[in-house]
N, C-alpha and C. Protein backbone atom coordinates (compact mmCIF):
# COMPACT_ATOMS: atom_id res chain seq x y z
N MET A 1 0.01 -13.28 -1.07
CA MET A 1 1.67 -12.97 -1.14
C MET A 1 2.26 -13.16 0.17
N LEU A 2 1.14 -13.12 1.23
CA LEU A 2 2.13 -13.15 2.84
C LEU A 2 2.11 -14.70 2.89
N SER A 3 1.76 -15.41 2.38
CA SER A 3 1.65 -16.92 2.68
C SER A 3 3.20 -17.56 2.59
N HIS A 4 3.53 -16.57 1.75
CA HIS A 4 5.03 -17.14 1.18
C HIS A 4 6.23 -16.48 1.36
N ARG A 5 7.11 -16.84 1.71
CA ARG A 5 8.14 -15.87 2.45
C ARG A 5 8.79 -15.27 1.15
N ASP A 6 8.73 -13.67 1.14
CA ASP A 6 9.43 -12.78 0.24
C ASP A 6 8.22 -12.86 -1.04
N GLY A 7 6.90 -13.17 -0.80
CA GLY A 7 5.61 -13.31 -1.68
C GLY A 7 5.54 -12.01 -2.06
N GLY A 8 5.78 -11.18 -1.44
CA GLY A 8 5.81 -9.67 -2.08
C GLY A 8 6.55 -9.03 -3.28
N ARG A 9 7.88 -9.36 -2.51
CA ARG A 9 9.07 -8.99 -3.50
C ARG A 9 8.96 -9.97 -4.60
N LEU A 10 8.75 -11.38 -4.26
CA LEU A 10 8.65 -12.15 -5.61
C LEU A 10 7.37 -11.77 -6.67
N ARG A 11 6.25 -11.27 -5.75
CA ARG A 11 5.28 -11.33 -7.18
C ARG A 11 5.87 -9.48 -7.69
N GLU A 12 6.41 -8.67 -7.56
CA GLU A 12 6.94 -7.35 -7.75
C GLU A 12 8.03 -7.81 -8.90
N HIS A 13 8.47 -8.90 -9.27
CA HIS A 13 9.44 -9.09 -9.88
C HIS A 13 8.62 -10.46 -11.15
N MET A 14 7.64 -11.30 -10.94
CA MET A 14 7.38 -12.26 -11.64
C MET A 14 5.89 -12.04 -12.12
N HIS A 15 5.82 -12.04 -13.16
CA HIS A 15 4.57 -12.01 -13.83
C HIS A 15 4.27 -11.89 -15.28
N ASP A 16 3.29 -12.71 -15.93
CA ASP A 16 3.33 -12.62 -17.33
C ASP A 16 2.04 -11.80 -17.48
N PRO A 17 2.36 -10.40 -17.78
CA PRO A 17 1.37 -9.47 -17.87
C PRO A 17 -0.01 -9.90 -18.98
N SER A 18 0.20 -10.68 -19.86
CA SER A 18 -0.52 -10.88 -20.70
C SER A 18 -2.32 -11.96 -19.84
N ASP A 19 -1.73 -12.67 -18.36
CA ASP A 19 -2.30 -13.20 -17.82
C ASP A 19 -3.37 -12.22 -17.07
N GLN A 20 -3.04 -11.07 -16.97
CA GLN A 20 -3.63 -9.96 -16.45
C GLN A 20 -5.01 -9.15 -17.05
N TRP A 21 -4.82 -9.45 -18.70
CA TRP A 21 -5.57 -8.51 -19.50
C TRP A 21 -6.82 -8.49 -19.31
N PRO A 22 -7.44 -10.09 -19.14
CA PRO A 22 -8.88 -9.93 -19.12
C PRO A 22 -9.55 -8.84 -17.70
N GLY A 23 -8.88 -9.46 -16.99
CA GLY A 23 -9.21 -8.58 -15.61
C GLY A 23 -9.00 -6.97 -15.72
N LEU A 24 -7.69 -6.98 -16.28
CA LEU A 24 -7.67 -5.32 -16.26
C LEU A 24 -8.70 -4.45 -17.28
N GLU A 25 -8.78 -5.24 -18.35
CA GLU A 25 -10.17 -4.71 -19.36
C GLU A 25 -11.24 -4.47 -18.97
N LEU A 26 -11.57 -5.23 -17.67
CA LEU A 26 -12.69 -5.33 -17.04
C LEU A 26 -12.79 -3.95 -16.04
N LEU A 27 -11.91 -4.07 -15.22
CA LEU A 27 -11.50 -2.83 -14.48
C LEU A 27 -11.62 -1.56 -15.17
N LEU A 28 -10.62 -1.44 -16.43
CA LEU A 28 -10.60 -0.23 -16.90
C LEU A 28 -12.21 0.22 -17.66
N GLN A 29 -12.60 -0.88 -17.94
CA GLN A 29 -14.09 -0.21 -18.54
C GLN A 29 -14.93 -0.10 -17.43
N MET A 30 -15.16 -0.58 -16.30
CA MET A 30 -15.84 -0.33 -15.27
C MET A 30 -15.35 1.15 -14.35
N MET A 31 -14.19 1.13 -14.65
CA MET A 31 -13.61 2.81 -14.29
C MET A 31 -14.00 3.84 -15.57
N GLU A 32 -13.96 3.38 -16.50
CA GLU A 32 -14.38 4.42 -17.51
C GLU A 32 -15.82 4.82 -17.32
N GLU A 33 -16.46 3.89 -17.05
CA GLU A 33 -18.19 3.91 -16.72
C GLU A 33 -18.09 4.50 -15.91
N ALA A 34 -17.37 5.02 -14.72
CA ALA A 34 -17.48 5.98 -13.61
C ALA A 34 -17.21 7.35 -13.94
N GLY A 35 -16.51 7.36 -14.91
CA GLY A 35 -16.26 8.69 -15.24
C GLY A 35 -14.51 8.89 -15.24
N PHE A 36 -13.86 8.18 -15.30
CA PHE A 36 -12.21 7.85 -14.91
C PHE A 36 -11.58 8.15 -16.60
N THR A 37 -10.89 8.88 -17.14
CA THR A 37 -10.01 8.45 -18.32
C THR A 37 -9.07 7.49 -18.19
N VAL A 38 -8.86 6.90 -19.26
CA VAL A 38 -8.40 5.86 -19.14
C VAL A 38 -6.63 5.60 -18.49
N GLU A 39 -5.99 6.96 -18.96
CA GLU A 39 -4.89 7.24 -17.93
C GLU A 39 -5.33 7.36 -16.65
N ASP A 40 -6.45 8.26 -16.00
CA ASP A 40 -6.10 8.41 -14.57
C ASP A 40 -6.73 6.97 -14.38
N ALA A 41 -7.54 6.15 -15.11
CA ALA A 41 -8.04 4.75 -14.34
C ALA A 41 -6.21 3.65 -13.99
N MET A 42 -5.86 3.92 -14.94
CA MET A 42 -4.02 3.47 -14.78
C MET A 42 -3.39 3.73 -13.73
N SER A 43 -3.54 4.87 -13.57
CA SER A 43 -2.65 5.51 -12.44
C SER A 43 -3.41 5.25 -11.11
N ALA A 44 -4.63 4.98 -10.99
CA ALA A 44 -5.43 4.48 -9.89
C ALA A 44 -5.20 3.12 -9.41
N ILE A 45 -5.04 2.07 -10.93
CA ILE A 45 -4.74 0.70 -10.27
C ILE A 45 -3.59 0.84 -10.41
N PHE A 46 -2.55 1.36 -10.62
CA PHE A 46 -1.03 1.03 -10.18
C PHE A 46 -1.00 1.51 -8.72
N THR A 47 -1.20 2.77 -8.33
CA THR A 47 -1.25 3.22 -7.04
C THR A 47 -1.82 2.30 -6.14
N VAL A 48 -3.12 1.57 -6.39
CA VAL A 48 -3.41 0.69 -5.54
C VAL A 48 -2.71 -0.62 -5.53
N GLY A 49 -2.35 -0.99 -6.46
CA GLY A 49 -1.10 -2.16 -7.04
C GLY A 49 0.02 -1.96 -6.10
N HIS A 50 0.31 -0.86 -5.80
CA HIS A 50 1.64 -0.79 -5.21
C HIS A 50 1.34 -0.35 -3.73
N HIS A 51 0.41 0.14 -3.54
CA HIS A 51 -0.22 0.07 -2.03
C HIS A 51 0.25 -1.45 -1.29
N ILE A 52 -0.78 -2.28 -2.12
CA ILE A 52 -0.93 -3.60 -1.96
C ILE A 52 0.60 -4.07 -1.98
N LEU A 53 1.30 -3.76 -2.76
CA LEU A 53 2.72 -4.66 -2.64
C LEU A 53 3.57 -3.85 -1.77
N GLY A 54 3.69 -2.56 -1.21
CA GLY A 54 4.32 -1.97 -0.52
C GLY A 54 3.84 -2.62 1.11
N SER A 55 2.43 -2.84 1.15
CA SER A 55 2.08 -3.19 2.50
C SER A 55 2.54 -4.77 2.64
N VAL A 56 2.23 -5.74 2.16
CA VAL A 56 2.67 -6.77 1.54
C VAL A 56 4.23 -6.86 2.50
N ILE A 57 4.96 -6.09 1.75
CA ILE A 57 6.64 -6.60 1.94
C ILE A 57 6.53 -5.44 3.30
N ALA A 58 6.10 -4.67 3.83
CA ALA A 58 5.92 -4.22 5.05
C ALA A 58 6.08 -4.90 6.08
N GLN A 59 4.83 -5.85 5.88
CA GLN A 59 4.53 -7.08 6.94
C GLN A 59 5.53 -7.92 7.03
N GLN A 60 5.95 -8.33 5.97
CA GLN A 60 7.05 -9.35 6.29
C GLN A 60 8.33 -8.94 6.78
N GLU A 61 8.63 -7.82 6.36
CA GLU A 61 9.78 -7.55 6.80
C GLU A 61 9.59 -7.16 8.43
N ASP A 62 8.81 -6.28 8.67
CA ASP A 62 8.35 -6.40 10.05
C ASP A 62 8.40 -7.77 11.05
N GLN A 63 9.20 -8.76 10.38
CA GLN A 63 9.38 -10.03 11.28
C GLN A 63 10.58 -10.29 11.75
N VAL A 64 11.28 -8.78 11.03
CA VAL A 64 12.70 -9.03 11.86
C VAL A 64 12.46 -9.12 13.48
N PRO A 65 13.13 -9.60 14.14
CA PRO A 65 13.30 -9.25 15.57
C PRO A 65 13.36 -8.10 16.25
N PRO A 66 12.29 -7.86 17.22
CA PRO A 66 12.08 -6.48 17.79
C PRO A 66 13.41 -6.00 17.97
N GLY A 67 13.53 -4.18 18.23
CA GLY A 67 14.54 -4.04 18.49
C GLY A 67 16.25 -4.04 17.30
N ALA A 68 15.74 -4.74 16.55
CA ALA A 68 17.04 -4.95 15.13
C ALA A 68 17.43 -3.74 14.58
N GLY A 69 18.09 -2.83 14.69
CA GLY A 69 18.67 -1.73 13.83
C GLY A 69 17.93 -0.18 14.44
N ASN A 70 17.28 -0.35 15.66
CA ASN A 70 16.58 0.90 16.48
C ASN A 70 17.61 1.89 16.96
N ALA A 71 17.09 3.03 16.31
CA ALA A 71 18.03 4.01 16.82
C ALA A 71 17.65 5.01 18.32
N ARG A 72 18.26 5.19 18.82
CA ARG A 72 17.83 5.76 20.04
C ARG A 72 17.30 7.69 19.63
N ILE A 73 16.15 7.56 19.95
CA ILE A 73 15.35 8.88 19.94
C ILE A 73 15.46 10.06 21.12
N ASP A 74 16.25 11.40 20.74
CA ASP A 74 16.27 12.34 21.98
C ASP A 74 14.35 12.64 21.72
N ALA A 75 14.21 12.27 23.08
CA ALA A 75 12.53 12.91 22.66
C ALA A 75 12.32 14.15 23.14
N ARG A 76 13.13 14.73 24.02
CA ARG A 76 12.81 16.27 24.13
C ARG A 76 12.96 16.82 23.03
N ARG A 77 13.89 16.73 22.01
CA ARG A 77 14.02 17.21 20.72
C ARG A 77 12.99 16.86 19.58
N PHE A 78 12.50 15.53 20.12
CA PHE A 78 12.12 15.14 18.72
C PHE A 78 10.38 14.38 19.37
N PRO A 79 9.62 15.02 20.24
CA PRO A 79 8.57 14.26 20.88
C PRO A 79 7.60 13.43 20.29
N ARG A 80 7.33 13.94 19.18
CA ARG A 80 6.26 13.15 18.00
C ARG A 80 6.98 11.97 17.66
N VAL A 81 8.26 11.82 17.26
CA VAL A 81 9.03 11.23 16.30
C VAL A 81 9.26 9.91 17.79
N ALA A 82 9.02 10.23 19.24
CA ALA A 82 9.61 9.34 20.28
C ALA A 82 8.37 8.80 20.36
N ARG A 83 7.28 9.48 20.37
CA ARG A 83 5.75 8.76 20.70
C ARG A 83 5.30 8.00 19.38
N ALA A 84 5.73 8.36 18.40
CA ALA A 84 5.45 7.51 17.03
C ALA A 84 6.56 5.91 17.29
N ALA A 85 7.41 6.42 17.60
CA ALA A 85 8.27 5.34 17.60
C ALA A 85 8.08 4.40 18.58
N ALA A 86 7.44 4.90 20.06
CA ALA A 86 6.64 4.06 21.00
C ALA A 86 5.68 3.36 20.64
N LEU A 87 4.82 4.03 19.79
CA LEU A 87 3.56 3.22 19.26
C LEU A 87 3.82 2.13 18.40
N ARG A 88 4.84 2.19 17.18
CA ARG A 88 5.08 1.33 17.02
C ARG A 88 5.65 -0.01 17.53
N ALA A 89 6.79 0.37 18.66
CA ALA A 89 7.24 -0.34 19.40
C ALA A 89 6.27 -1.31 20.11
N GLU A 90 5.43 -1.00 20.43
CA GLU A 90 3.94 -1.65 20.66
C GLU A 90 3.65 -2.20 19.87
N GLY A 91 3.74 -2.49 18.65
CA GLY A 91 3.56 -3.70 17.32
C GLY A 91 2.49 -3.00 16.43
N ARG A 92 2.29 -3.06 15.39
CA ARG A 92 1.60 -2.44 14.28
C ARG A 92 0.41 -3.32 13.78
N ASP A 93 -0.40 -2.72 13.47
CA ASP A 93 -1.31 -3.08 13.06
C ASP A 93 -1.75 -3.32 11.52
N HIS A 94 -0.98 -4.35 10.94
CA HIS A 94 -0.58 -4.03 9.70
C HIS A 94 -2.07 -4.01 8.77
N ASP A 95 -3.25 -4.65 9.36
CA ASP A 95 -4.40 -4.54 8.51
C ASP A 95 -4.92 -3.27 8.81
N ARG A 96 -5.17 -2.49 9.73
CA ARG A 96 -5.29 -1.20 9.99
C ARG A 96 -5.07 -0.33 9.40
N GLU A 97 -3.38 -0.65 9.54
CA GLU A 97 -2.90 0.54 7.94
C GLU A 97 -3.16 0.73 6.84
N PHE A 98 -3.30 -0.87 6.47
CA PHE A 98 -3.69 -1.02 4.72
C PHE A 98 -4.84 -0.94 4.54
N GLU A 99 -6.17 -1.11 5.36
CA GLU A 99 -7.35 -0.61 5.08
C GLU A 99 -7.31 1.56 5.14
N TYR A 100 -6.55 2.02 6.35
CA TYR A 100 -6.53 3.25 6.20
C TYR A 100 -5.79 3.81 5.02
N GLY A 101 -4.64 3.13 4.20
CA GLY A 101 -3.90 3.67 3.29
C GLY A 101 -5.27 3.88 1.93
N LEU A 102 -5.86 2.16 1.68
CA LEU A 102 -6.95 2.05 1.04
C LEU A 102 -7.80 3.17 0.86
N ALA A 103 -8.68 3.33 2.29
CA ALA A 103 -9.93 4.78 2.20
C ALA A 103 -9.18 5.65 1.86
N VAL A 104 -7.95 6.41 2.32
CA VAL A 104 -7.30 7.23 1.68
C VAL A 104 -7.17 7.15 0.01
N LEU A 105 -6.50 6.22 -0.43
CA LEU A 105 -6.41 6.03 -1.85
C LEU A 105 -7.87 5.65 -2.67
N VAL A 106 -8.85 5.55 -2.31
CA VAL A 106 -9.96 5.85 -2.72
C VAL A 106 -10.87 7.17 -2.31
N ALA A 107 -10.83 7.76 -1.30
CA ALA A 107 -11.28 8.84 -1.10
C ALA A 107 -10.93 10.03 -2.17
N GLY A 108 -9.21 9.63 -2.46
CA GLY A 108 -8.53 10.53 -3.24
C GLY A 108 -8.97 10.37 -4.60
N CYS A 109 -9.29 9.17 -5.48
CA CYS A 109 -10.07 8.68 -6.62
C CYS A 109 -11.60 9.38 -6.45
N ARG A 110 -12.09 9.28 -5.78
CA ARG A 110 -13.61 9.97 -5.90
C ARG A 110 -13.47 11.56 -5.81
N ALA A 111 -12.62 12.07 -5.02
CA ALA A 111 -12.35 13.66 -5.33
C ALA A 111 -11.74 13.99 -6.47
N MET A 112 -10.99 13.28 -7.03
CA MET A 112 -10.76 13.45 -8.54
C MET A 112 -11.96 13.63 -9.41
N LEU A 113 -12.82 12.57 -9.46
CA LEU A 113 -14.16 12.28 -10.04
C LEU A 113 -15.04 13.42 -9.72
N ASP A 114 -15.23 14.16 -8.55
CA ASP A 114 -16.14 15.05 -8.12
C ASP A 114 -15.65 16.52 -8.83
N ARG A 115 -14.17 16.87 -8.80
CA ARG A 115 -13.69 17.83 -9.67
C ARG A 115 -13.86 17.76 -11.07
N ARG A 116 -14.43 17.20 -11.56
CA ARG A 116 -14.92 16.68 -13.26
C ARG A 116 -16.19 17.17 -13.53
């Protein structure tokens, strides 16, 4: 998706769901065998899918020129926001952000299984 301009947004709106059924059936089977209900498996699949799409869209939108739309932050009132903005201004590590989000989602899914 990253190799095409607006690939995430295009993917979000274009697909024939029947193309995905064989892979989805296998994925649901594997998740069911791991202990998920079909409902929980679908929720997890959609959550990861949304994470992927959102990450692609964020990375593609981050290609806007630096400083565009930046608001001035009062660092005395909002020191954490100012520090976060400074880190963001240094450049985003989209791969690290994606991997972090995916790790959180996987850990959450494992925790759901452990509660059963």
